Amino acid sequence: EQTKVLRDDVDRIATKHRLAAVLEVRLERPDDALAVHARVLEIDADNEVSLRAMSRLHHLAGRWREVIEIWTRELGQCATDRERAALHYHIGRVYERKLGERDAAVAAFERALADDPLHSSALRALDRILRRDRQWKQLCLALQRRATALPDARQQALVLHEIAQIEELHLRDLEAAQKRYRTVLERHPHYETAAVALIHVAEARGDWASAAEPLALLGESTTHT
């Protein structure tokens, strides 16, 4: 009996999908097609075909909150963290560009990076918003997550250097910046830009002993050029 019910549901869904396709493509009645897909979801709440069709039709009509609602339902169907991160990123773009909701956009981009810390588009979007709004500590946290996820020590050093610059120039936390520049040089010993920055920060703090090692590094580099 249960097998028959399931088979009947499959048949009903297939019929409704054919009807929705006719309504949308042949008769150019997208709202009626949406209604049919909504009925499909009453039978199968996770039906991928209808969810994607509804998000597409809402997108074409500029109904952005409905698009976000459908995409949020699709999150549960993502097979991997990367797929889920991509969907969170697209949700964030709609919040930012179509609805003008900055906080919701930031939250979506951060969820994307929680799923995939190396999602470059989400990081760029978050970086842009947080720099514009001068949310330096929040930006440092996002960059730190990215640095932790990077497999290569030199790539990590480049991201940590960005954090150190923010700590030095925007947060004016010279002690934290000095520690960070030192970490950068531990991971990338010949990174001259970081060595120069460490010297400047150490001198500004009157910490001449900490300036000695990067000065020696630069002297050695000059000798070999």
N, C-alpha and C. Protein backbone atom coordinates (compact mmCIF):
# COMPACT_ATOMS: atom_id res chain seq x y z
N GLU A 1 0.84 -1.22 0.00
CA GLU A 1 0.00 0.00 0.00
C GLU A 1 0.86 1.26 0.00
N GLN A 2 1.89 1.27 0.86
CA GLN A 2 2.78 2.44 0.92
C GLN A 2 3.51 2.64 -0.39
N THR A 3 3.94 1.53 -1.00
CA THR A 3 4.62 1.62 -2.30
C THR A 3 3.70 2.23 -3.34
N LYS A 4 2.44 1.85 -3.33
CA LYS A 4 1.48 2.38 -4.30
C LYS A 4 1.30 3.89 -4.09
N VAL A 5 1.23 4.31 -2.81
CA VAL A 5 1.08 5.74 -2.52
C VAL A 5 2.27 6.52 -3.04
N LEU A 6 3.46 5.98 -2.81
CA LEU A 6 4.66 6.65 -3.29
C LEU A 6 4.67 6.74 -4.81
N ARG A 7 4.26 5.63 -5.47
CA ARG A 7 4.22 5.63 -6.93
C ARG A 7 3.19 6.63 -7.44
N ASP A 8 2.06 6.70 -6.74
CA ASP A 8 1.03 7.67 -7.14
C ASP A 8 1.55 9.10 -7.00
N ASP A 9 2.30 9.36 -5.92
CA ASP A 9 2.87 10.71 -5.73
C ASP A 9 3.85 11.04 -6.84
N VAL A 10 4.66 10.07 -7.23
CA VAL A 10 5.62 10.29 -8.32
C VAL A 10 4.87 10.63 -9.61
N ASP A 11 3.82 9.91 -9.88
CA ASP A 11 3.04 10.16 -11.09
C ASP A 11 2.38 11.55 -11.04
N ARG A 12 1.82 11.89 -9.88
CA ARG A 12 1.18 13.20 -9.74
C ARG A 12 2.18 14.33 -9.92
N ILE A 13 3.36 14.16 -9.35
CA ILE A 13 4.40 15.19 -9.48
C ILE A 13 4.84 15.33 -10.93
N ALA A 14 5.04 14.21 -11.60
CA ALA A 14 5.46 14.26 -13.01
C ALA A 14 4.41 14.97 -13.86
N THR A 15 3.14 14.69 -13.60
CA THR A 15 2.06 15.35 -14.35
C THR A 15 2.06 16.85 -14.09
N LYS A 16 2.25 17.23 -12.84
CA LYS A 16 2.26 18.66 -12.50
C LYS A 16 3.48 19.35 -13.13
N HIS A 17 4.60 18.68 -13.18
CA HIS A 17 5.78 19.28 -13.82
C HIS A 17 5.51 19.52 -15.31
N ARG A 18 4.86 18.58 -15.97
CA ARG A 18 4.53 18.77 -17.38
C ARG A 18 3.57 19.94 -17.55
N LEU A 19 2.57 20.02 -16.66
CA LEU A 19 1.61 21.11 -16.72
C LEU A 19 2.31 22.46 -16.50
N ALA A 20 3.20 22.52 -15.52
CA ALA A 20 3.91 23.78 -15.24
C ALA A 20 4.76 24.21 -16.43
N ALA A 21 5.39 23.24 -17.10
CA ALA A 21 6.21 23.56 -18.27
C ALA A 21 5.34 24.15 -19.39
N VAL A 22 4.17 23.57 -19.60
CA VAL A 22 3.25 24.09 -20.63
C VAL A 22 2.80 25.50 -20.27
N LEU A 23 2.44 25.71 -19.02
CA LEU A 23 1.96 27.03 -18.58
C LEU A 23 3.05 28.09 -18.74
N GLU A 24 4.27 27.71 -18.41
CA GLU A 24 5.36 28.69 -18.48
C GLU A 24 5.82 28.95 -19.91
N VAL A 25 6.10 27.89 -20.64
CA VAL A 25 6.77 28.02 -21.94
C VAL A 25 5.77 28.25 -23.07
N ARG A 26 4.71 27.43 -23.12
CA ARG A 26 3.77 27.50 -24.23
C ARG A 26 2.74 28.61 -24.06
N LEU A 27 2.22 28.74 -22.86
CA LEU A 27 1.12 29.69 -22.64
C LEU A 27 1.59 31.01 -22.02
N GLU A 28 2.87 31.06 -21.65
CA GLU A 28 3.45 32.26 -21.05
C GLU A 28 2.63 32.76 -19.86
N ARG A 29 2.37 31.83 -18.95
CA ARG A 29 1.63 32.13 -17.72
C ARG A 29 2.49 31.71 -16.52
N PRO A 30 3.55 32.47 -16.27
CA PRO A 30 4.51 32.06 -15.22
C PRO A 30 3.90 31.99 -13.83
N ASP A 31 2.94 32.88 -13.51
CA ASP A 31 2.34 32.84 -12.18
C ASP A 31 1.53 31.56 -11.97
N ASP A 32 0.87 31.12 -13.02
CA ASP A 32 0.13 29.86 -12.92
C ASP A 32 1.11 28.68 -12.78
N ALA A 33 2.23 28.78 -13.50
CA ALA A 33 3.25 27.73 -13.37
C ALA A 33 3.79 27.68 -11.94
N LEU A 34 3.98 28.86 -11.34
CA LEU A 34 4.43 28.92 -9.95
C LEU A 34 3.45 28.23 -9.02
N ALA A 35 2.18 28.47 -9.26
CA ALA A 35 1.15 27.87 -8.41
C ALA A 35 1.19 26.34 -8.49
N VAL A 36 1.44 25.83 -9.70
CA VAL A 36 1.53 24.38 -9.87
C VAL A 36 2.74 23.83 -9.12
N HIS A 37 3.88 24.53 -9.24
CA HIS A 37 5.09 24.08 -8.51
C HIS A 37 4.86 24.13 -7.01
N ALA A 38 4.11 25.13 -6.53
CA ALA A 38 3.80 25.20 -5.10
C ALA A 38 3.00 23.98 -4.66
N ARG A 39 2.11 23.51 -5.52
CA ARG A 39 1.33 22.31 -5.20
C ARG A 39 2.23 21.06 -5.17
N VAL A 40 3.24 21.07 -6.03
CA VAL A 40 4.20 19.96 -6.00
C VAL A 40 4.88 19.91 -4.63
N LEU A 41 5.26 21.09 -4.12
CA LEU A 41 5.96 21.13 -2.83
C LEU A 41 5.06 20.71 -1.68
N GLU A 42 3.75 20.78 -1.87
CA GLU A 42 2.84 20.26 -0.85
C GLU A 42 2.92 18.74 -0.78
N ILE A 43 3.27 18.13 -1.91
CA ILE A 43 3.43 16.67 -1.97
C ILE A 43 4.83 16.27 -1.54
N ASP A 44 5.81 17.01 -2.06
CA ASP A 44 7.23 16.71 -1.79
C ASP A 44 7.93 18.04 -1.51
N ALA A 45 8.10 18.35 -0.23
CA ALA A 45 8.62 19.67 0.17
C ALA A 45 10.03 19.93 -0.33
N ASP A 46 10.77 18.89 -0.66
CA ASP A 46 12.16 19.06 -1.10
C ASP A 46 12.35 18.79 -2.59
N ASN A 47 11.27 18.86 -3.35
CA ASN A 47 11.37 18.55 -4.78
C ASN A 47 12.29 19.54 -5.47
N GLU A 48 13.42 19.04 -5.93
CA GLU A 48 14.47 19.91 -6.47
C GLU A 48 14.04 20.62 -7.75
N VAL A 49 13.30 19.92 -8.61
CA VAL A 49 12.86 20.51 -9.88
C VAL A 49 11.96 21.72 -9.62
N SER A 50 11.01 21.57 -8.72
CA SER A 50 10.08 22.67 -8.45
C SER A 50 10.76 23.81 -7.69
N LEU A 51 11.64 23.47 -6.76
CA LEU A 51 12.35 24.53 -6.03
C LEU A 51 13.16 25.38 -7.00
N ARG A 52 13.88 24.74 -7.90
CA ARG A 52 14.70 25.50 -8.84
C ARG A 52 13.84 26.29 -9.81
N ALA A 53 12.75 25.71 -10.25
CA ALA A 53 11.85 26.43 -11.16
C ALA A 53 11.27 27.66 -10.47
N MET A 54 10.86 27.51 -9.21
CA MET A 54 10.28 28.63 -8.48
C MET A 54 11.30 29.74 -8.24
N SER A 55 12.53 29.36 -7.90
CA SER A 55 13.55 30.39 -7.69
C SER A 55 13.83 31.14 -8.98
N ARG A 56 13.86 30.40 -10.10
CA ARG A 56 14.10 31.04 -11.40
C ARG A 56 12.95 31.98 -11.77
N LEU A 57 11.72 31.54 -11.59
CA LEU A 57 10.57 32.38 -11.96
C LEU A 57 10.47 33.61 -11.06
N HIS A 58 10.71 33.44 -9.77
CA HIS A 58 10.70 34.60 -8.88
C HIS A 58 11.83 35.56 -9.24
N HIS A 59 12.98 34.99 -9.60
CA HIS A 59 14.13 35.83 -9.99
C HIS A 59 13.79 36.65 -11.22
N LEU A 60 13.19 36.03 -12.23
CA LEU A 60 12.81 36.75 -13.44
C LEU A 60 11.80 37.85 -13.16
N ALA A 61 10.95 37.64 -12.16
CA ALA A 61 9.93 38.63 -11.82
C ALA A 61 10.43 39.67 -10.82
N GLY A 62 11.66 39.51 -10.35
CA GLY A 62 12.20 40.46 -9.40
C GLY A 62 11.59 40.36 -8.02
N ARG A 63 11.08 39.20 -7.66
CA ARG A 63 10.52 39.00 -6.33
C ARG A 63 11.64 38.43 -5.44
N TRP A 64 12.44 39.34 -4.91
CA TRP A 64 13.70 38.94 -4.30
C TRP A 64 13.54 38.22 -2.98
N ARG A 65 12.56 38.60 -2.17
CA ARG A 65 12.38 37.90 -0.90
C ARG A 65 11.93 36.46 -1.13
N GLU A 66 11.11 36.28 -2.16
CA GLU A 66 10.69 34.92 -2.49
C GLU A 66 11.87 34.09 -3.00
N VAL A 67 12.76 34.75 -3.76
CA VAL A 67 13.97 34.06 -4.22
C VAL A 67 14.78 33.57 -3.02
N ILE A 68 14.98 34.47 -2.04
CA ILE A 68 15.75 34.10 -0.85
C ILE A 68 15.07 32.97 -0.08
N GLU A 69 13.76 33.03 0.02
CA GLU A 69 13.02 31.99 0.73
C GLU A 69 13.24 30.62 0.07
N ILE A 70 13.18 30.58 -1.26
CA ILE A 70 13.39 29.30 -1.97
C ILE A 70 14.83 28.85 -1.81
N TRP A 71 15.79 29.76 -1.98
CA TRP A 71 17.20 29.38 -1.84
C TRP A 71 17.49 28.87 -0.43
N THR A 72 16.84 29.47 0.56
CA THR A 72 17.05 29.02 1.94
C THR A 72 16.55 27.59 2.10
N ARG A 73 15.43 27.27 1.44
CA ARG A 73 14.93 25.89 1.48
C ARG A 73 15.90 24.94 0.78
N GLU A 74 16.55 25.43 -0.28
CA GLU A 74 17.48 24.59 -1.04
C GLU A 74 18.75 24.29 -0.26
N LEU A 75 19.07 25.09 0.76
CA LEU A 75 20.30 24.87 1.51
C LEU A 75 20.35 23.45 2.09
N GLY A 76 19.21 22.95 2.49
CA GLY A 76 19.17 21.61 3.07
C GLY A 76 19.47 20.51 2.08
N GLN A 77 19.44 20.83 0.78
CA GLN A 77 19.70 19.82 -0.25
C GLN A 77 21.15 19.83 -0.72
N CYS A 78 21.92 20.79 -0.25
CA CYS A 78 23.31 20.88 -0.71
C CYS A 78 24.10 19.66 -0.26
N ALA A 79 24.84 19.08 -1.19
CA ALA A 79 25.58 17.85 -0.88
C ALA A 79 26.92 18.13 -0.21
N THR A 80 27.47 19.33 -0.41
CA THR A 80 28.79 19.65 0.13
C THR A 80 28.78 21.04 0.76
N ASP A 81 29.80 21.29 1.57
CA ASP A 81 29.96 22.61 2.17
C ASP A 81 30.15 23.68 1.10
N ARG A 82 30.86 23.32 0.03
CA ARG A 82 31.12 24.30 -1.04
C ARG A 82 29.82 24.70 -1.74
N GLU A 83 28.94 23.73 -1.97
CA GLU A 83 27.65 24.06 -2.58
C GLU A 83 26.84 24.97 -1.67
N ARG A 84 26.83 24.66 -0.38
CA ARG A 84 26.09 25.48 0.58
C ARG A 84 26.69 26.89 0.66
N ALA A 85 28.01 26.99 0.62
CA ALA A 85 28.67 28.29 0.65
C ALA A 85 28.28 29.13 -0.56
N ALA A 86 28.23 28.48 -1.73
CA ALA A 86 27.86 29.21 -2.95
C ALA A 86 26.44 29.75 -2.85
N LEU A 87 25.55 28.98 -2.27
CA LEU A 87 24.16 29.43 -2.14
C LEU A 87 24.05 30.57 -1.13
N HIS A 88 24.76 30.46 -0.02
CA HIS A 88 24.79 31.57 0.95
C HIS A 88 25.32 32.84 0.29
N TYR A 89 26.34 32.69 -0.55
CA TYR A 89 26.91 33.85 -1.24
C TYR A 89 25.87 34.52 -2.13
N HIS A 90 25.12 33.72 -2.89
CA HIS A 90 24.11 34.29 -3.77
C HIS A 90 23.00 34.97 -2.97
N ILE A 91 22.65 34.39 -1.83
CA ILE A 91 21.67 35.03 -0.95
C ILE A 91 22.19 36.38 -0.49
N GLY A 92 23.47 36.41 -0.13
CA GLY A 92 24.07 37.67 0.31
C GLY A 92 24.06 38.73 -0.77
N ARG A 93 24.31 38.32 -1.99
CA ARG A 93 24.29 39.29 -3.11
C ARG A 93 22.89 39.89 -3.30
N VAL A 94 21.87 39.07 -3.17
CA VAL A 94 20.51 39.58 -3.30
C VAL A 94 20.20 40.56 -2.17
N TYR A 95 20.58 40.20 -0.95
CA TYR A 95 20.35 41.12 0.17
C TYR A 95 21.08 42.45 -0.05
N GLU A 96 22.32 42.36 -0.54
CA GLU A 96 23.11 43.59 -0.71
C GLU A 96 22.65 44.42 -1.90
N ARG A 97 22.52 43.77 -3.06
CA ARG A 97 22.34 44.52 -4.31
C ARG A 97 20.89 44.78 -4.66
N LYS A 98 20.00 43.90 -4.25
CA LYS A 98 18.59 44.05 -4.64
C LYS A 98 17.73 44.62 -3.51
N LEU A 99 18.04 44.26 -2.27
CA LEU A 99 17.22 44.70 -1.16
C LEU A 99 17.88 45.78 -0.31
N GLY A 100 19.19 45.97 -0.52
CA GLY A 100 19.90 47.01 0.23
C GLY A 100 19.95 46.75 1.72
N GLU A 101 19.99 45.48 2.12
CA GLU A 101 20.00 45.12 3.54
C GLU A 101 21.41 44.67 3.92
N ARG A 102 22.17 45.62 4.39
CA ARG A 102 23.59 45.42 4.65
C ARG A 102 23.85 44.32 5.69
N ASP A 103 23.16 44.36 6.82
CA ASP A 103 23.42 43.40 7.89
C ASP A 103 23.09 41.97 7.46
N ALA A 104 21.99 41.82 6.74
CA ALA A 104 21.61 40.48 6.27
C ALA A 104 22.63 39.98 5.25
N ALA A 105 23.14 40.89 4.41
CA ALA A 105 24.15 40.51 3.42
C ALA A 105 25.43 40.05 4.11
N VAL A 106 25.88 40.81 5.10
CA VAL A 106 27.09 40.43 5.84
C VAL A 106 26.91 39.07 6.49
N ALA A 107 25.76 38.84 7.11
CA ALA A 107 25.50 37.56 7.76
C ALA A 107 25.55 36.41 6.76
N ALA A 108 24.99 36.63 5.57
CA ALA A 108 25.00 35.57 4.55
C ALA A 108 26.41 35.29 4.05
N PHE A 109 27.19 36.35 3.82
CA PHE A 109 28.58 36.16 3.37
C PHE A 109 29.40 35.46 4.45
N GLU A 110 29.14 35.78 5.72
CA GLU A 110 29.88 35.11 6.79
C GLU A 110 29.49 33.64 6.89
N ARG A 111 28.21 33.33 6.64
CA ARG A 111 27.80 31.92 6.63
C ARG A 111 28.47 31.19 5.48
N ALA A 112 28.62 31.86 4.33
CA ALA A 112 29.32 31.24 3.20
C ALA A 112 30.76 30.91 3.58
N LEU A 113 31.41 31.83 4.27
CA LEU A 113 32.81 31.61 4.65
C LEU A 113 32.94 30.61 5.79
N ALA A 114 31.90 30.47 6.61
CA ALA A 114 31.93 29.44 7.65
C ALA A 114 31.90 28.05 7.00
N ASP A 115 31.16 27.93 5.89
CA ASP A 115 31.10 26.65 5.17
C ASP A 115 32.33 26.42 4.32
N ASP A 116 32.84 27.50 3.72
CA ASP A 116 34.01 27.39 2.85
C ASP A 116 34.88 28.63 3.04
N PRO A 117 35.86 28.58 3.95
CA PRO A 117 36.69 29.76 4.24
C PRO A 117 37.48 30.28 3.04
N LEU A 118 37.59 29.47 1.99
CA LEU A 118 38.35 29.89 0.80
C LEU A 118 37.43 30.38 -0.32
N HIS A 119 36.16 30.62 -0.03
CA HIS A 119 35.23 31.12 -1.05
C HIS A 119 35.61 32.57 -1.35
N SER A 120 36.36 32.77 -2.44
CA SER A 120 36.96 34.08 -2.71
C SER A 120 35.92 35.16 -2.98
N SER A 121 34.82 34.83 -3.66
CA SER A 121 33.81 35.84 -3.97
C SER A 121 33.13 36.35 -2.69
N ALA A 122 32.84 35.43 -1.76
CA ALA A 122 32.23 35.84 -0.50
C ALA A 122 33.19 36.70 0.31
N LEU A 123 34.47 36.33 0.30
CA LEU A 123 35.45 37.12 1.05
C LEU A 123 35.59 38.51 0.44
N ARG A 124 35.62 38.60 -0.89
CA ARG A 124 35.74 39.92 -1.52
C ARG A 124 34.52 40.79 -1.19
N ALA A 125 33.34 40.18 -1.23
CA ALA A 125 32.12 40.94 -0.93
C ALA A 125 32.13 41.41 0.52
N LEU A 126 32.50 40.53 1.43
CA LEU A 126 32.54 40.89 2.85
C LEU A 126 33.63 41.93 3.09
N ASP A 127 34.77 41.75 2.46
CA ASP A 127 35.89 42.70 2.59
C ASP A 127 35.44 44.09 2.15
N ARG A 128 34.73 44.15 1.02
CA ARG A 128 34.29 45.45 0.48
C ARG A 128 33.34 46.17 1.46
N ILE A 129 32.38 45.42 2.00
CA ILE A 129 31.40 46.03 2.90
C ILE A 129 32.06 46.46 4.21
N LEU A 130 32.88 45.59 4.78
CA LEU A 130 33.46 45.89 6.08
C LEU A 130 34.49 47.01 6.00
N ARG A 131 35.22 47.08 4.90
CA ARG A 131 36.15 48.22 4.73
C ARG A 131 35.37 49.52 4.56
N ARG A 132 34.31 49.47 3.77
CA ARG A 132 33.49 50.67 3.56
C ARG A 132 32.92 51.17 4.88
N ASP A 133 32.50 50.24 5.72
CA ASP A 133 31.86 50.61 6.99
C ASP A 133 32.85 50.67 8.15
N ARG A 134 34.14 50.45 7.84
CA ARG A 134 35.21 50.56 8.84
C ARG A 134 35.00 49.59 10.01
N GLN A 135 34.55 48.41 9.67
CA GLN A 135 34.37 47.36 10.67
C GLN A 135 35.63 46.49 10.70
N TRP A 136 36.68 47.06 11.26
CA TRP A 136 38.01 46.46 11.12
C TRP A 136 38.15 45.15 11.88
N LYS A 137 37.61 45.07 13.10
CA LYS A 137 37.75 43.84 13.88
C LYS A 137 37.02 42.68 13.22
N GLN A 138 35.85 42.97 12.69
CA GLN A 138 35.09 41.93 12.00
C GLN A 138 35.83 41.46 10.76
N LEU A 139 36.47 42.40 10.06
CA LEU A 139 37.25 42.04 8.87
C LEU A 139 38.46 41.19 9.25
N CYS A 140 39.11 41.54 10.35
CA CYS A 140 40.26 40.75 10.80
C CYS A 140 39.86 39.31 11.09
N LEU A 141 38.69 39.12 11.69
CA LEU A 141 38.22 37.76 11.98
C LEU A 141 38.01 36.97 10.69
N ALA A 142 37.43 37.62 9.68
CA ALA A 142 37.20 36.94 8.41
C ALA A 142 38.52 36.56 7.74
N LEU A 143 39.47 37.48 7.78
CA LEU A 143 40.78 37.21 7.18
C LEU A 143 41.52 36.11 7.94
N GLN A 144 41.37 36.10 9.26
CA GLN A 144 42.02 35.06 10.06
C GLN A 144 41.48 33.68 9.70
N ARG A 145 40.17 33.58 9.51
CA ARG A 145 39.60 32.29 9.11
C ARG A 145 40.17 31.84 7.77
N ARG A 146 40.34 32.81 6.86
CA ARG A 146 40.90 32.45 5.55
C ARG A 146 42.35 31.99 5.70
N ALA A 147 43.14 32.71 6.49
CA ALA A 147 44.54 32.34 6.67
C ALA A 147 44.66 30.94 7.25
N THR A 148 43.81 30.63 8.21
CA THR A 148 43.85 29.31 8.84
C THR A 148 43.54 28.19 7.85
N ALA A 149 42.69 28.49 6.88
CA ALA A 149 42.27 27.47 5.91
C ALA A 149 43.27 27.27 4.77
N LEU A 150 44.15 28.23 4.57
CA LEU A 150 45.09 28.13 3.45
C LEU A 150 46.15 27.06 3.75
N PRO A 151 46.50 26.24 2.75
CA PRO A 151 47.43 25.16 2.99
C PRO A 151 48.90 25.56 2.94
N ASP A 152 49.19 26.69 2.30
CA ASP A 152 50.58 27.08 2.07
C ASP A 152 50.99 28.20 3.04
N ALA A 153 52.16 28.04 3.65
CA ALA A 153 52.61 29.01 4.66
C ALA A 153 52.81 30.41 4.06
N ARG A 154 53.27 30.48 2.83
CA ARG A 154 53.47 31.80 2.23
C ARG A 154 52.15 32.49 1.93
N GLN A 155 51.17 31.72 1.48
CA GLN A 155 49.85 32.30 1.27
C GLN A 155 49.26 32.78 2.60
N GLN A 156 49.46 31.99 3.65
CA GLN A 156 49.01 32.41 4.96
C GLN A 156 49.67 33.73 5.36
N ALA A 157 50.96 33.84 5.07
CA ALA A 157 51.70 35.04 5.45
C ALA A 157 51.13 36.29 4.78
N LEU A 158 50.72 36.17 3.53
CA LEU A 158 50.16 37.32 2.82
C LEU A 158 48.86 37.81 3.47
N VAL A 159 48.02 36.86 3.86
CA VAL A 159 46.75 37.24 4.50
C VAL A 159 47.01 37.80 5.90
N LEU A 160 47.91 37.18 6.64
CA LEU A 160 48.25 37.69 7.97
C LEU A 160 48.86 39.09 7.90
N HIS A 161 49.58 39.35 6.82
CA HIS A 161 50.14 40.70 6.62
C HIS A 161 49.01 41.72 6.47
N GLU A 162 47.94 41.34 5.78
CA GLU A 162 46.78 42.23 5.66
C GLU A 162 46.20 42.55 7.04
N ILE A 163 46.09 41.52 7.87
CA ILE A 163 45.55 41.72 9.21
C ILE A 163 46.46 42.66 10.01
N ALA A 164 47.76 42.42 9.91
CA ALA A 164 48.71 43.27 10.64
C ALA A 164 48.60 44.73 10.21
N GLN A 165 48.42 44.96 8.92
CA GLN A 165 48.27 46.33 8.43
C GLN A 165 47.02 46.99 9.02
N ILE A 166 45.94 46.22 9.10
CA ILE A 166 44.70 46.76 9.69
C ILE A 166 44.92 47.09 11.16
N GLU A 167 45.60 46.18 11.88
CA GLU A 167 45.86 46.42 13.30
C GLU A 167 46.75 47.64 13.50
N GLU A 168 47.71 47.81 12.59
CA GLU A 168 48.62 48.95 12.71
C GLU A 168 47.97 50.27 12.32
N LEU A 169 47.34 50.29 11.15
CA LEU A 169 46.91 51.55 10.56
C LEU A 169 45.50 51.98 10.95
N HIS A 170 44.63 51.00 11.22
CA HIS A 170 43.23 51.35 11.48
C HIS A 170 42.84 51.14 12.95
N LEU A 171 43.29 50.03 13.54
CA LEU A 171 42.96 49.80 14.94
C LEU A 171 43.97 50.46 15.87
N ARG A 172 45.10 50.85 15.33
CA ARG A 172 46.17 51.50 16.09
C ARG A 172 46.61 50.63 17.28
N ASP A 173 46.57 49.34 17.07
CA ASP A 173 47.01 48.39 18.09
C ASP A 173 48.41 47.92 17.67
N LEU A 174 49.41 48.71 18.07
CA LEU A 174 50.76 48.44 17.60
C LEU A 174 51.33 47.15 18.19
N GLU A 175 50.94 46.82 19.40
CA GLU A 175 51.43 45.59 20.00
C GLU A 175 50.93 44.37 19.22
N ALA A 176 49.63 44.38 18.90
CA ALA A 176 49.08 43.26 18.12
C ALA A 176 49.69 43.21 16.73
N ALA A 177 49.89 44.38 16.12
CA ALA A 177 50.48 44.43 14.79
C ALA A 177 51.90 43.89 14.80
N GLN A 178 52.66 44.25 15.83
CA GLN A 178 54.05 43.77 15.93
C GLN A 178 54.09 42.25 16.03
N LYS A 179 53.22 41.69 16.86
CA LYS A 179 53.17 40.22 16.99
C LYS A 179 52.78 39.58 15.67
N ARG A 180 51.85 40.22 14.97
CA ARG A 180 51.37 39.65 13.71
C ARG A 180 52.45 39.70 12.64
N TYR A 181 53.16 40.82 12.54
CA TYR A 181 54.25 40.92 11.56
C TYR A 181 55.33 39.87 11.87
N ARG A 182 55.56 39.62 13.15
CA ARG A 182 56.55 38.61 13.51
C ARG A 182 56.08 37.22 13.05
N THR A 183 54.79 36.95 13.19
CA THR A 183 54.23 35.68 12.72
C THR A 183 54.36 35.56 11.21
N VAL A 184 54.14 36.67 10.52
CA VAL A 184 54.29 36.68 9.06
C VAL A 184 55.70 36.26 8.67
N LEU A 185 56.70 36.82 9.34
CA LEU A 185 58.09 36.51 9.02
C LEU A 185 58.46 35.08 9.41
N GLU A 186 57.80 34.54 10.40
CA GLU A 186 58.05 33.14 10.74
C GLU A 186 57.60 32.22 9.62
N ARG A 187 56.52 32.60 8.95
CA ARG A 187 55.98 31.76 7.88
C ARG A 187 56.58 32.09 6.51
N HIS A 188 57.09 33.31 6.39
CA HIS A 188 57.69 33.74 5.13
C HIS A 188 58.92 34.61 5.48
N PRO A 189 60.03 33.95 5.83
CA PRO A 189 61.19 34.66 6.40
C PRO A 189 61.79 35.75 5.50
N HIS A 190 61.58 35.68 4.21
CA HIS A 190 62.19 36.66 3.31
C HIS A 190 61.18 37.67 2.77
N TYR A 191 60.10 37.87 3.51
CA TYR A 191 59.07 38.83 3.11
C TYR A 191 59.52 40.21 3.58
N GLU A 192 60.20 40.95 2.69
CA GLU A 192 60.84 42.20 3.08
C GLU A 192 59.83 43.27 3.50
N THR A 193 58.68 43.30 2.85
CA THR A 193 57.66 44.30 3.21
C THR A 193 57.24 44.14 4.67
N ALA A 194 57.08 42.89 5.10
CA ALA A 194 56.71 42.64 6.49
C ALA A 194 57.86 42.99 7.43
N ALA A 195 59.10 42.75 7.00
CA ALA A 195 60.26 43.10 7.82
C ALA A 195 60.33 44.61 8.04
N VAL A 196 60.12 45.37 6.98
CA VAL A 196 60.14 46.84 7.10
C VAL A 196 59.03 47.31 8.02
N ALA A 197 57.85 46.73 7.87
CA ALA A 197 56.72 47.11 8.72
C ALA A 197 57.00 46.79 10.19
N LEU A 198 57.59 45.63 10.43
CA LEU A 198 57.92 45.25 11.80
C LEU A 198 58.91 46.23 12.42
N ILE A 199 59.89 46.64 11.64
CA ILE A 199 60.87 47.63 12.14
C ILE A 199 60.18 48.94 12.52
N HIS A 200 59.29 49.42 11.64
CA HIS A 200 58.59 50.68 11.91
C HIS A 200 57.75 50.59 13.17
N VAL A 201 57.02 49.48 13.32
CA VAL A 201 56.16 49.33 14.49
C VAL A 201 56.99 49.19 15.76
N ALA A 202 58.05 48.39 15.70
CA ALA A 202 58.91 48.21 16.88
C ALA A 202 59.54 49.53 17.29
N GLU A 203 59.98 50.31 16.32
CA GLU A 203 60.57 51.61 16.63
C GLU A 203 59.54 52.55 17.24
N ALA A 204 58.32 52.51 16.70
CA ALA A 204 57.25 53.37 17.23
C ALA A 204 56.94 53.02 18.68
N ARG A 205 57.12 51.75 19.03
CA ARG A 205 56.86 51.32 20.40
C ARG A 205 58.10 51.42 21.29
N GLY A 206 59.24 51.84 20.70
CA GLY A 206 60.48 51.92 21.46
C GLY A 206 61.07 50.57 21.77
N ASP A 207 60.69 49.56 21.01
CA ASP A 207 61.16 48.20 21.23
C ASP A 207 62.32 47.92 20.28
N TRP A 208 63.48 48.45 20.63
CA TRP A 208 64.63 48.39 19.72
C TRP A 208 65.15 46.97 19.57
N ALA A 209 65.03 46.17 20.60
CA ALA A 209 65.51 44.79 20.51
C ALA A 209 64.75 44.01 19.44
N SER A 210 63.41 44.26 19.34
CA SER A 210 62.60 43.55 18.34
C SER A 210 62.89 44.02 16.93
N ALA A 211 63.45 45.23 16.80
CA ALA A 211 63.77 45.75 15.47
C ALA A 211 65.07 45.18 14.94
N ALA A 212 65.90 44.63 15.82
CA ALA A 212 67.24 44.19 15.42
C ALA A 212 67.20 43.05 14.40
N GLU A 213 66.34 42.04 14.66
CA GLU A 213 66.32 40.87 13.78
C GLU A 213 65.86 41.21 12.36
N PRO A 214 64.73 41.94 12.17
CA PRO A 214 64.35 42.29 10.80
C PRO A 214 65.36 43.22 10.14
N LEU A 215 66.05 44.07 10.93
CA LEU A 215 67.10 44.91 10.35
C LEU A 215 68.24 44.04 9.81
N ALA A 216 68.57 43.01 10.55
CA ALA A 216 69.62 42.09 10.09
C ALA A 216 69.18 41.37 8.82
N LEU A 217 67.90 41.00 8.78
CA LEU A 217 67.36 40.33 7.59
C LEU A 217 67.47 41.22 6.37
N LEU A 218 67.10 42.49 6.54
CA LEU A 218 67.18 43.42 5.41
C LEU A 218 68.62 43.66 5.00
N GLY A 219 69.52 43.71 6.00
CA GLY A 219 70.93 43.90 5.68
C GLY A 219 71.48 42.73 4.89
N GLU A 220 71.07 41.54 5.27
CA GLU A 220 71.50 40.34 4.56
C GLU A 220 70.95 40.34 3.14
N SER A 221 69.70 40.76 2.99
CA SER A 221 69.08 40.81 1.67
C SER A 221 69.80 41.81 0.77
N THR A 222 70.17 42.95 1.34
CA THR A 222 70.88 43.97 0.57
C THR A 222 72.25 43.49 0.13
N THR A 223 72.88 42.72 1.02
CA THR A 223 74.22 42.20 0.72
C THR A 223 74.19 41.25 -0.48
N HIS A 224 73.09 40.50 -0.61
CA HIS A 224 73.01 39.49 -1.69
C HIS A 224 72.42 40.04 -2.97
N THR A 225 72.05 41.33 -3.01
CA THR A 225 71.50 41.88 -4.24
C THR A 225 72.56 42.61 -5.03
